[in-house]
N, C-alpha and C. Protein backbone atom coordinates (compact mmCIF):
# COMPACT_ATOMS: atom_id res chain seq x y z
N MET A 1 14.57 244.16 104.70
CA MET A 1 14.43 245.28 105.52
C MET A 1 14.05 246.47 104.76
N PRO A 2 13.12 247.31 105.12
CA PRO A 2 12.91 248.53 104.32
C PRO A 2 13.93 249.53 104.38
N GLN A 3 14.23 250.28 103.32
CA GLN A 3 15.17 251.24 103.35
C GLN A 3 14.80 252.46 104.29
N PHE A 4 15.77 253.03 104.86
CA PHE A 4 15.52 254.24 105.63
C PHE A 4 16.52 255.33 105.18
N THR A 5 15.91 256.32 104.56
CA THR A 5 16.73 257.43 104.08
C THR A 5 16.42 258.65 104.82
N THR A 6 15.18 259.27 104.43
CA THR A 6 14.68 260.43 105.14
C THR A 6 13.22 260.11 105.50
N LEU A 7 12.76 260.64 106.63
CA LEU A 7 11.42 260.42 107.06
C LEU A 7 10.89 261.75 107.67
N THR A 8 9.71 262.16 107.20
CA THR A 8 9.06 263.24 107.86
C THR A 8 7.72 262.71 108.36
N SER A 9 7.47 262.93 109.67
CA SER A 9 6.28 262.41 110.24
C SER A 9 5.85 263.18 111.53
N ARG A 10 4.61 263.01 111.83
CA ARG A 10 4.12 263.48 113.20
C ARG A 10 4.82 262.56 114.30
N VAL A 11 4.66 263.06 115.45
CA VAL A 11 5.35 262.35 116.57
C VAL A 11 4.36 261.92 117.66
N VAL A 12 4.57 260.72 118.17
CA VAL A 12 3.65 260.25 119.31
C VAL A 12 4.46 260.40 120.62
N PRO A 13 3.97 261.20 121.54
CA PRO A 13 4.68 261.35 122.82
C PRO A 13 4.28 260.31 123.87
N LEU A 14 5.28 259.70 124.47
CA LEU A 14 5.05 258.63 125.50
C LEU A 14 6.08 258.86 126.55
N PRO A 15 5.84 259.87 127.40
CA PRO A 15 6.81 260.26 128.41
C PRO A 15 6.90 259.38 129.57
N VAL A 16 7.07 258.15 129.37
CA VAL A 16 7.20 257.15 130.56
C VAL A 16 8.61 256.65 130.46
N ASN A 17 9.32 256.63 131.63
CA ASN A 17 10.71 256.08 131.72
C ASN A 17 10.63 254.62 131.89
N ASP A 18 11.67 254.02 131.52
CA ASP A 18 12.06 252.57 131.78
C ASP A 18 10.94 251.68 131.18
N ILE A 19 10.50 251.91 129.96
CA ILE A 19 9.58 251.10 129.29
C ILE A 19 10.27 249.87 128.96
N ASP A 20 9.90 248.62 129.41
CA ASP A 20 10.64 247.40 129.14
C ASP A 20 9.85 246.70 128.03
N THR A 21 10.53 245.61 127.53
CA THR A 21 9.96 244.94 126.43
C THR A 21 8.70 244.16 126.84
N ASP A 22 8.51 243.84 127.97
CA ASP A 22 7.27 243.18 128.42
C ASP A 22 6.12 244.13 128.30
N GLN A 23 6.30 245.41 128.49
CA GLN A 23 5.29 246.41 128.32
C GLN A 23 5.07 246.65 126.77
N ILE A 24 6.21 246.70 126.04
CA ILE A 24 6.04 246.93 124.58
C ILE A 24 5.20 245.79 123.99
N ILE A 25 5.56 244.57 124.40
CA ILE A 25 4.64 243.40 123.97
C ILE A 25 4.65 242.39 125.07
N PRO A 26 3.52 242.16 125.67
CA PRO A 26 3.40 241.25 126.82
C PRO A 26 3.76 239.79 126.32
N ALA A 27 4.30 239.06 127.40
CA ALA A 27 4.82 237.78 127.14
C ALA A 27 3.83 236.84 126.44
N ARG A 28 2.56 237.01 126.68
CA ARG A 28 1.55 236.02 126.14
C ARG A 28 1.62 236.03 124.64
N PHE A 29 2.20 237.10 123.99
CA PHE A 29 2.24 237.08 122.52
C PHE A 29 3.44 236.57 121.85
N LEU A 30 4.35 236.03 122.74
CA LEU A 30 5.67 235.58 122.28
C LEU A 30 5.65 234.20 121.53
N LYS A 31 4.53 233.52 121.55
CA LYS A 31 4.47 232.25 120.93
C LYS A 31 4.57 232.31 119.45
N ALA A 32 4.24 233.54 118.92
CA ALA A 32 4.11 233.85 117.44
C ALA A 32 5.52 233.79 116.90
N THR A 33 5.67 233.21 115.80
CA THR A 33 6.98 233.22 115.10
C THR A 33 6.88 234.06 113.72
N ASP A 34 5.71 234.58 113.51
CA ASP A 34 5.52 235.40 112.32
C ASP A 34 5.25 236.81 112.70
N LYS A 35 5.80 237.77 112.02
CA LYS A 35 5.78 239.21 112.29
C LYS A 35 4.40 239.70 111.98
N GLN A 36 3.69 239.01 111.20
CA GLN A 36 2.42 239.48 110.62
C GLN A 36 1.45 239.80 111.81
N GLY A 37 0.84 240.93 111.86
CA GLY A 37 -0.12 241.30 112.89
C GLY A 37 0.38 241.56 114.23
N MET A 38 1.71 241.64 114.34
CA MET A 38 2.32 241.80 115.64
C MET A 38 2.14 243.26 116.20
N GLY A 39 1.85 244.19 115.20
CA GLY A 39 1.59 245.59 115.59
C GLY A 39 0.28 245.74 116.38
N ASP A 40 -0.65 244.77 116.18
CA ASP A 40 -1.91 244.89 116.96
C ASP A 40 -1.75 244.71 118.42
N ASN A 41 -0.54 244.03 118.77
CA ASN A 41 -0.30 243.76 120.21
C ASN A 41 0.67 244.67 120.82
N LEU A 42 1.03 245.78 120.19
CA LEU A 42 1.97 246.75 120.78
C LEU A 42 1.24 247.47 121.91
N PHE A 43 1.99 247.42 123.04
CA PHE A 43 1.44 247.94 124.29
C PHE A 43 0.05 247.60 124.67
N ALA A 44 -0.11 246.25 124.44
CA ALA A 44 -1.43 245.67 124.48
C ALA A 44 -2.18 246.00 125.89
N ASP A 45 -1.41 245.84 126.91
CA ASP A 45 -1.99 246.05 128.28
C ASP A 45 -2.33 247.56 128.55
N TRP A 46 -1.66 248.41 127.83
CA TRP A 46 -1.98 249.85 127.97
C TRP A 46 -3.04 250.29 126.95
N ARG A 47 -3.14 249.67 125.82
CA ARG A 47 -4.06 250.08 124.71
C ARG A 47 -5.46 249.53 124.92
N TYR A 48 -5.62 248.40 125.52
CA TYR A 48 -6.94 247.62 125.52
C TYR A 48 -7.47 247.45 126.89
N ASN A 49 -8.76 247.48 126.99
CA ASN A 49 -9.39 247.03 128.17
C ASN A 49 -9.52 245.54 128.27
N PRO A 50 -9.91 244.96 129.38
CA PRO A 50 -10.08 243.55 129.52
C PRO A 50 -11.01 242.88 128.44
N ASP A 51 -11.97 243.67 127.94
CA ASP A 51 -12.94 243.07 126.95
C ASP A 51 -12.44 243.26 125.54
N GLY A 52 -11.25 243.85 125.38
CA GLY A 52 -10.57 243.94 124.10
C GLY A 52 -10.88 245.35 123.36
N SER A 53 -11.76 246.12 124.05
CA SER A 53 -11.96 247.48 123.45
C SER A 53 -10.81 248.36 123.72
N GLN A 54 -10.65 249.43 122.89
CA GLN A 54 -9.57 250.30 123.10
C GLN A 54 -9.70 251.24 124.24
N LYS A 55 -8.67 251.64 125.00
CA LYS A 55 -8.73 252.65 126.04
C LYS A 55 -8.63 253.93 125.32
N ARG A 56 -9.65 254.73 125.45
CA ARG A 56 -9.69 256.03 124.60
C ARG A 56 -8.59 256.99 125.08
N ASP A 57 -8.15 256.91 126.20
CA ASP A 57 -7.17 257.87 126.81
C ASP A 57 -5.69 257.51 126.55
N PHE A 58 -5.47 256.33 125.93
CA PHE A 58 -4.02 255.93 125.63
C PHE A 58 -3.68 256.62 124.33
N VAL A 59 -2.42 257.10 124.35
CA VAL A 59 -1.96 257.93 123.28
C VAL A 59 -2.06 257.30 121.90
N LEU A 60 -1.66 255.94 121.80
CA LEU A 60 -1.79 255.35 120.45
C LEU A 60 -3.23 255.29 119.89
N ASN A 61 -4.15 255.34 120.82
CA ASN A 61 -5.56 255.28 120.44
C ASN A 61 -6.23 256.54 119.95
N LYS A 62 -5.51 257.61 120.14
CA LYS A 62 -6.03 258.88 119.83
C LYS A 62 -5.93 259.16 118.33
N PRO A 63 -7.00 259.66 117.74
CA PRO A 63 -7.13 259.87 116.28
C PRO A 63 -5.92 260.71 115.68
N GLU A 64 -5.53 261.68 116.46
CA GLU A 64 -4.61 262.61 115.99
C GLU A 64 -3.09 261.96 115.80
N HIS A 65 -2.97 260.86 116.41
CA HIS A 65 -1.69 260.14 116.31
C HIS A 65 -1.68 258.97 115.37
N ARG A 66 -2.82 258.77 114.69
CA ARG A 66 -2.86 257.65 113.71
C ARG A 66 -1.88 257.94 112.57
N GLY A 67 -1.13 257.00 112.15
CA GLY A 67 -0.22 257.16 111.05
C GLY A 67 1.16 257.70 111.40
N ALA A 68 1.31 258.18 112.64
CA ALA A 68 2.66 258.71 113.01
C ALA A 68 3.61 257.62 113.04
N GLN A 69 4.89 258.02 112.63
CA GLN A 69 5.89 256.98 112.49
C GLN A 69 7.09 257.17 113.45
N ILE A 70 7.02 258.24 114.27
CA ILE A 70 8.05 258.56 115.17
C ILE A 70 7.41 258.50 116.61
N LEU A 71 8.17 257.73 117.48
CA LEU A 71 7.83 257.70 118.80
C LEU A 71 8.80 258.44 119.70
N LEU A 72 8.29 259.33 120.51
CA LEU A 72 9.19 260.05 121.49
C LEU A 72 8.94 259.50 122.78
N ALA A 73 9.86 258.66 123.37
CA ALA A 73 9.78 257.98 124.62
C ALA A 73 10.52 258.53 125.73
N GLY A 74 10.26 258.07 126.93
CA GLY A 74 11.00 258.50 128.10
C GLY A 74 12.22 257.77 128.21
N ASP A 75 13.07 258.05 129.20
CA ASP A 75 14.36 257.54 129.33
C ASP A 75 14.45 256.04 129.39
N ASN A 76 15.48 255.40 128.95
CA ASN A 76 15.76 253.97 129.21
C ASN A 76 14.77 253.15 128.42
N PHE A 77 14.52 253.35 127.20
CA PHE A 77 13.47 252.69 126.46
C PHE A 77 14.06 251.27 126.07
N GLY A 78 13.20 250.20 126.20
CA GLY A 78 13.46 248.88 125.69
C GLY A 78 14.31 248.09 126.64
N CYS A 79 14.26 248.41 127.96
CA CYS A 79 15.00 247.54 128.94
C CYS A 79 14.33 246.27 129.20
N GLY A 80 14.86 245.42 129.91
CA GLY A 80 14.28 244.08 130.14
C GLY A 80 14.78 242.95 129.33
N SER A 81 13.94 242.02 128.93
CA SER A 81 14.45 240.95 128.15
C SER A 81 14.75 241.33 126.67
N SER A 82 15.47 240.39 126.03
CA SER A 82 15.89 240.68 124.68
C SER A 82 14.99 240.44 123.56
N ARG A 83 13.73 240.17 123.92
CA ARG A 83 12.77 239.70 122.94
C ARG A 83 12.74 240.52 121.60
N GLU A 84 12.93 239.88 120.52
CA GLU A 84 12.87 240.62 119.19
C GLU A 84 11.44 240.92 118.89
N HIS A 85 10.37 240.27 119.45
CA HIS A 85 9.00 240.61 119.19
C HIS A 85 8.58 242.01 119.47
N ALA A 86 9.43 242.60 120.44
CA ALA A 86 9.18 244.06 120.73
C ALA A 86 9.38 244.95 119.49
N LEU A 87 10.36 244.63 118.76
CA LEU A 87 10.69 245.32 117.49
C LEU A 87 9.69 245.10 116.47
N TRP A 88 9.24 243.91 116.37
CA TRP A 88 8.31 243.39 115.38
C TRP A 88 6.96 244.21 115.65
N ALA A 89 6.59 244.40 116.96
CA ALA A 89 5.39 245.05 117.30
C ALA A 89 5.51 246.56 116.97
N LEU A 90 6.62 247.19 117.31
CA LEU A 90 6.80 248.62 116.91
C LEU A 90 6.75 248.84 115.51
N THR A 91 7.53 247.97 114.68
CA THR A 91 7.52 248.32 113.23
C THR A 91 6.20 247.83 112.61
N GLY A 92 5.64 246.74 113.18
CA GLY A 92 4.27 246.30 112.64
C GLY A 92 3.22 247.41 112.83
N PHE A 93 3.33 248.13 113.85
CA PHE A 93 2.43 249.26 114.13
C PHE A 93 2.61 250.31 113.12
N GLY A 94 3.79 250.53 112.67
CA GLY A 94 4.19 251.51 111.69
C GLY A 94 5.29 252.51 112.09
N PHE A 95 5.89 252.29 113.27
CA PHE A 95 6.95 253.13 113.74
C PHE A 95 8.31 252.91 112.99
N ARG A 96 8.89 253.92 112.57
CA ARG A 96 10.19 253.81 111.90
C ARG A 96 11.33 254.30 112.72
N ALA A 97 11.05 255.03 113.82
CA ALA A 97 12.09 255.59 114.58
C ALA A 97 11.49 255.79 116.03
N VAL A 98 12.43 255.74 117.00
CA VAL A 98 12.12 256.04 118.40
C VAL A 98 13.20 256.98 118.92
N ILE A 99 12.72 258.14 119.52
CA ILE A 99 13.64 259.13 120.07
C ILE A 99 13.65 259.05 121.51
N CYS A 100 14.79 258.98 122.18
CA CYS A 100 14.94 258.90 123.58
C CYS A 100 16.37 259.32 124.09
N THR A 101 16.57 259.42 125.29
CA THR A 101 17.85 259.82 125.82
C THR A 101 18.85 258.57 125.92
N SER A 102 18.20 257.40 126.11
CA SER A 102 19.00 256.18 126.17
C SER A 102 18.14 254.94 125.84
N PHE A 103 18.82 253.93 125.31
CA PHE A 103 18.22 252.70 125.01
C PHE A 103 18.90 251.61 125.63
N ALA A 104 18.13 250.46 125.99
CA ALA A 104 18.92 249.18 126.45
C ALA A 104 19.78 248.80 125.27
N ASP A 105 20.91 248.32 125.61
CA ASP A 105 21.87 247.94 124.54
C ASP A 105 21.32 246.81 123.57
N ILE A 106 20.77 245.73 124.12
CA ILE A 106 20.19 244.71 123.23
C ILE A 106 19.01 245.10 122.42
N PHE A 107 18.15 246.00 123.06
CA PHE A 107 17.10 246.49 122.28
C PHE A 107 17.62 247.43 121.05
N ARG A 108 18.57 248.29 121.36
CA ARG A 108 19.18 249.06 120.38
C ARG A 108 19.66 248.28 119.19
N SER A 109 20.39 247.30 119.52
CA SER A 109 21.00 246.42 118.53
C SER A 109 19.89 245.77 117.67
N ASN A 110 18.90 245.15 118.31
CA ASN A 110 17.84 244.51 117.68
C ASN A 110 17.06 245.52 116.77
N ALA A 111 16.94 246.79 117.27
CA ALA A 111 16.17 247.75 116.54
C ALA A 111 16.90 247.98 115.14
N LEU A 112 18.11 248.19 115.23
CA LEU A 112 18.92 248.42 114.07
C LEU A 112 18.86 247.32 113.00
N LYS A 113 18.77 246.06 113.54
CA LYS A 113 18.71 244.92 112.69
C LYS A 113 17.30 244.68 112.06
N ASN A 114 16.27 245.42 112.64
CA ASN A 114 14.89 245.21 112.17
C ASN A 114 14.32 246.57 111.47
N GLY A 115 15.17 247.42 111.21
CA GLY A 115 14.75 248.60 110.39
C GLY A 115 14.12 249.67 111.26
N LEU A 116 14.33 249.67 112.58
CA LEU A 116 13.82 250.73 113.40
C LEU A 116 15.00 251.63 113.89
N LEU A 117 14.89 252.89 113.66
CA LEU A 117 16.03 253.73 113.97
C LEU A 117 15.98 254.23 115.39
N PRO A 118 16.84 253.88 116.30
CA PRO A 118 16.86 254.41 117.65
C PRO A 118 17.65 255.70 117.65
N ILE A 119 17.08 256.84 117.96
CA ILE A 119 17.79 258.10 118.02
C ILE A 119 17.98 258.58 119.41
N VAL A 120 19.28 258.72 119.72
CA VAL A 120 19.66 259.19 121.09
C VAL A 120 19.82 260.73 121.09
N VAL A 121 19.08 261.41 121.88
CA VAL A 121 19.26 262.91 122.17
C VAL A 121 19.60 263.17 123.58
N ASP A 122 20.31 264.35 123.78
CA ASP A 122 20.53 264.63 125.15
C ASP A 122 19.28 265.12 125.95
N SER A 123 19.36 265.22 127.27
CA SER A 123 18.19 265.45 128.07
C SER A 123 17.54 266.82 127.76
N LYS A 124 18.40 267.85 127.41
CA LYS A 124 17.79 269.16 127.11
C LYS A 124 16.93 269.06 125.86
N ILE A 125 17.47 268.58 124.89
CA ILE A 125 16.72 268.31 123.54
C ILE A 125 15.49 267.52 123.81
N HIS A 126 15.62 266.39 124.55
CA HIS A 126 14.46 265.55 124.95
C HIS A 126 13.35 266.37 125.54
N HIS A 127 13.71 267.16 126.58
CA HIS A 127 12.66 268.01 127.25
C HIS A 127 12.07 269.01 126.26
N GLU A 128 12.86 269.69 125.41
CA GLU A 128 12.42 270.62 124.32
C GLU A 128 11.46 269.91 123.41
N LEU A 129 11.66 268.61 123.05
CA LEU A 129 10.79 268.04 122.19
C LEU A 129 9.40 267.77 122.74
N PHE A 130 9.34 267.30 123.98
CA PHE A 130 8.09 267.01 124.75
C PHE A 130 7.41 268.38 124.93
N ARG A 131 8.18 269.43 125.17
CA ARG A 131 7.50 270.86 125.35
C ARG A 131 6.85 271.18 124.03
N LEU A 132 7.56 271.08 122.98
CA LEU A 132 7.08 271.47 121.66
C LEU A 132 5.79 270.70 121.38
N LEU A 133 5.83 269.36 121.75
CA LEU A 133 4.58 268.61 121.41
C LEU A 133 3.39 269.08 122.33
N GLU A 134 3.66 269.50 123.47
CA GLU A 134 2.55 270.10 124.27
C GLU A 134 1.90 271.28 123.66
N HIS A 135 2.65 272.09 123.00
CA HIS A 135 2.17 273.38 122.38
C HIS A 135 1.67 273.03 120.92
N THR A 136 2.28 272.07 120.25
CA THR A 136 2.01 271.76 118.89
C THR A 136 1.81 270.27 118.82
N PRO A 137 0.58 269.71 119.11
CA PRO A 137 0.40 268.35 119.14
C PRO A 137 0.54 267.63 117.71
N ASP A 138 0.44 268.38 116.72
CA ASP A 138 0.60 267.81 115.28
C ASP A 138 2.03 268.08 114.77
N LEU A 139 2.97 268.36 115.68
CA LEU A 139 4.35 268.57 115.39
C LEU A 139 4.93 267.52 114.45
N THR A 140 5.60 267.90 113.34
CA THR A 140 6.33 267.03 112.52
C THR A 140 7.75 267.19 112.55
N LEU A 141 8.60 266.10 112.51
CA LEU A 141 9.99 266.19 112.52
C LEU A 141 10.38 265.39 111.31
N THR A 142 11.63 265.84 110.85
CA THR A 142 12.28 265.12 109.65
C THR A 142 13.55 264.47 110.23
N ILE A 143 13.73 263.22 109.80
CA ILE A 143 14.87 262.53 110.12
C ILE A 143 15.74 262.25 108.81
N ASP A 144 16.90 262.76 108.75
CA ASP A 144 17.77 262.52 107.55
C ASP A 144 18.96 261.70 108.01
N LEU A 145 18.84 260.38 107.67
CA LEU A 145 19.78 259.41 108.14
C LEU A 145 21.23 259.64 107.60
N ALA A 146 21.27 259.93 106.31
CA ALA A 146 22.55 260.27 105.76
C ALA A 146 23.35 261.28 106.36
N ARG A 147 22.63 262.39 106.82
CA ARG A 147 23.25 263.47 107.52
C ARG A 147 23.27 263.28 109.07
N GLN A 148 22.64 262.13 109.47
CA GLN A 148 22.43 261.82 110.94
C GLN A 148 21.82 263.02 111.58
N ALA A 149 20.71 263.62 111.06
CA ALA A 149 20.13 264.89 111.58
C ALA A 149 18.63 264.67 111.81
N LEU A 150 18.26 265.11 112.98
CA LEU A 150 16.90 265.28 113.35
C LEU A 150 16.56 266.82 113.18
N VAL A 151 15.54 267.07 112.26
CA VAL A 151 15.34 268.45 111.90
C VAL A 151 13.98 268.83 112.42
N LEU A 152 14.08 269.94 113.20
CA LEU A 152 12.81 270.53 113.87
C LEU A 152 12.07 271.39 112.88
N PRO A 153 10.82 271.72 113.06
CA PRO A 153 10.11 272.57 112.14
C PRO A 153 10.71 273.89 111.92
N ASP A 154 11.44 274.43 112.83
CA ASP A 154 12.05 275.74 112.63
C ASP A 154 13.41 275.74 111.87
N GLY A 155 13.81 274.46 111.45
CA GLY A 155 14.98 274.20 110.75
C GLY A 155 16.15 273.90 111.49
N LYS A 156 15.97 273.90 112.87
CA LYS A 156 17.06 273.54 113.80
C LYS A 156 17.44 272.09 113.55
N SER A 157 18.73 271.76 113.39
CA SER A 157 19.18 270.41 113.05
C SER A 157 19.94 269.88 114.34
N ILE A 158 19.58 268.60 114.64
CA ILE A 158 20.18 268.05 115.89
C ILE A 158 20.87 266.76 115.37
N HIS A 159 22.19 266.71 115.64
CA HIS A 159 22.96 265.48 115.23
C HIS A 159 22.73 264.27 116.15
N PHE A 160 22.61 263.08 115.60
CA PHE A 160 22.43 261.92 116.42
C PHE A 160 23.47 260.91 115.97
N PRO A 161 23.93 260.11 116.91
CA PRO A 161 24.98 259.07 116.62
C PRO A 161 24.48 257.80 116.10
N ILE A 162 25.12 257.14 115.24
CA ILE A 162 24.89 255.84 114.72
C ILE A 162 26.16 255.25 114.24
N ASP A 163 26.43 253.94 114.37
CA ASP A 163 27.56 253.37 113.84
C ASP A 163 27.52 253.28 112.37
N GLY A 164 28.68 253.23 111.63
CA GLY A 164 28.69 253.32 110.29
C GLY A 164 28.03 252.04 109.61
N PHE A 165 28.28 250.86 110.11
CA PHE A 165 27.77 249.58 109.56
C PHE A 165 26.23 249.62 109.52
N SER A 166 25.61 250.01 110.73
CA SER A 166 24.21 250.00 110.89
C SER A 166 23.60 251.14 109.96
N LYS A 167 24.26 252.16 109.86
CA LYS A 167 23.76 253.29 109.02
C LYS A 167 23.70 252.82 107.56
N ALA A 168 24.83 252.17 107.04
CA ALA A 168 24.97 251.71 105.69
C ALA A 168 23.85 250.73 105.48
N CYS A 169 23.57 249.78 106.33
CA CYS A 169 22.58 248.75 106.12
C CYS A 169 21.13 249.37 106.11
N LEU A 170 20.87 250.33 106.93
CA LEU A 170 19.52 251.06 106.91
C LEU A 170 19.37 251.76 105.52
N LEU A 171 20.41 252.53 105.19
CA LEU A 171 20.31 253.28 104.01
C LEU A 171 20.14 252.42 102.77
N ASP A 172 20.72 251.20 102.74
CA ASP A 172 20.60 250.34 101.60
C ASP A 172 19.38 249.37 101.76
N GLY A 173 18.79 249.23 102.95
CA GLY A 173 17.69 248.45 103.13
C GLY A 173 18.02 247.02 103.25
N VAL A 174 19.21 246.70 103.88
CA VAL A 174 19.64 245.24 103.95
C VAL A 174 19.96 244.99 105.41
N ASP A 175 19.73 243.76 105.80
CA ASP A 175 20.02 243.32 107.11
C ASP A 175 21.51 242.74 106.99
N GLU A 176 21.99 242.16 108.12
CA GLU A 176 23.43 241.66 108.06
C GLU A 176 23.62 240.58 107.04
N LEU A 177 22.67 239.73 106.85
CA LEU A 177 22.82 238.67 105.80
C LEU A 177 22.77 239.32 104.43
N GLY A 178 21.83 240.24 104.24
CA GLY A 178 21.80 240.92 102.96
C GLY A 178 23.10 241.64 102.62
N TYR A 179 23.72 242.21 103.71
CA TYR A 179 25.01 242.87 103.40
C TYR A 179 26.12 241.87 102.99
N ILE A 180 26.10 240.80 103.69
CA ILE A 180 27.07 239.74 103.25
C ILE A 180 26.82 239.27 101.84
N LEU A 181 25.64 239.17 101.47
CA LEU A 181 25.34 238.70 100.16
C LEU A 181 25.63 239.56 99.07
N THR A 182 25.94 240.90 99.44
CA THR A 182 26.42 241.88 98.37
C THR A 182 27.84 241.42 97.91
N PHE A 183 28.50 240.65 98.69
CA PHE A 183 29.80 240.20 98.35
C PHE A 183 29.75 238.73 97.81
N LYS A 184 28.64 238.26 97.34
CA LYS A 184 28.45 236.87 96.87
C LYS A 184 29.52 236.48 95.87
N SER A 185 29.85 237.28 94.89
CA SER A 185 30.72 236.95 93.74
C SER A 185 32.18 236.82 94.44
N GLU A 186 32.53 237.71 95.30
CA GLU A 186 33.86 237.67 96.00
C GLU A 186 33.96 236.42 96.87
N ILE A 187 32.93 236.06 97.60
CA ILE A 187 32.91 234.87 98.35
C ILE A 187 33.06 233.61 97.48
N ALA A 188 32.36 233.57 96.32
CA ALA A 188 32.42 232.40 95.54
C ALA A 188 33.82 232.28 94.95
N ALA A 189 34.42 233.42 94.54
CA ALA A 189 35.84 233.44 94.00
C ALA A 189 36.75 232.92 95.03
N TYR A 190 36.64 233.27 96.21
CA TYR A 190 37.60 232.97 97.35
C TYR A 190 37.40 231.36 97.48
N GLU A 191 36.13 230.97 97.69
CA GLU A 191 35.88 229.57 97.86
C GLU A 191 36.45 228.63 96.74
N ALA A 192 36.26 229.13 95.51
CA ALA A 192 36.81 228.34 94.34
C ALA A 192 38.39 228.43 94.31
N ALA A 193 38.91 229.44 94.85
CA ALA A 193 40.44 229.38 94.90
C ALA A 193 40.93 228.65 96.04
N HIS A 194 40.18 228.33 97.01
CA HIS A 194 40.60 227.60 98.21
C HIS A 194 39.98 226.20 98.36
N ILE A 195 39.61 225.53 97.35
CA ILE A 195 39.02 224.26 97.41
C ILE A 195 40.09 223.21 97.86
N SER A 196 39.80 222.64 99.02
CA SER A 196 40.92 221.74 99.47
C SER A 196 40.80 220.36 98.68
N LEU A 197 41.95 219.83 98.50
CA LEU A 197 42.10 218.60 97.65
C LEU A 197 41.95 217.33 98.55
């Protein structure tokens, strides 16, 4: 899993509430077991016409949003089924963080395990961010995970919550298994001391 320490990026606004995992990645793409190329299918039904051409008016297809790594979404992002492919699509496209007022619990857990930082802000800040993007479409934000701070261009810092274990894993760039493996020598010593006869 890639390390997440600080990130400064432009922001893609997607002010749609209740975006579920079937909208993030439609069910027809779930047969894949490889993350490779999954980003091509992110929001496929919203991004592409039936002939496979891009819909020019969809936000991810606009040139000014290419390369942006932060998604500002509507309320209740990631609801629906627990498909991990949704995270693979978001990270495969290049997103490192999603900002929202609330996330579905399973989606939030899966996001943290896949290197995508779900940032919860209150509704007042949420509205302020969308308003800022209307006036400044190339708005950049900085995320400082160690400080748990979302920093606006004017220097205003907004605290966001994250549990200590997930924060440590993201900062070190390890998943749960990687974290356990950091204790490999201790585990080996314990097993050696407890070999049953």
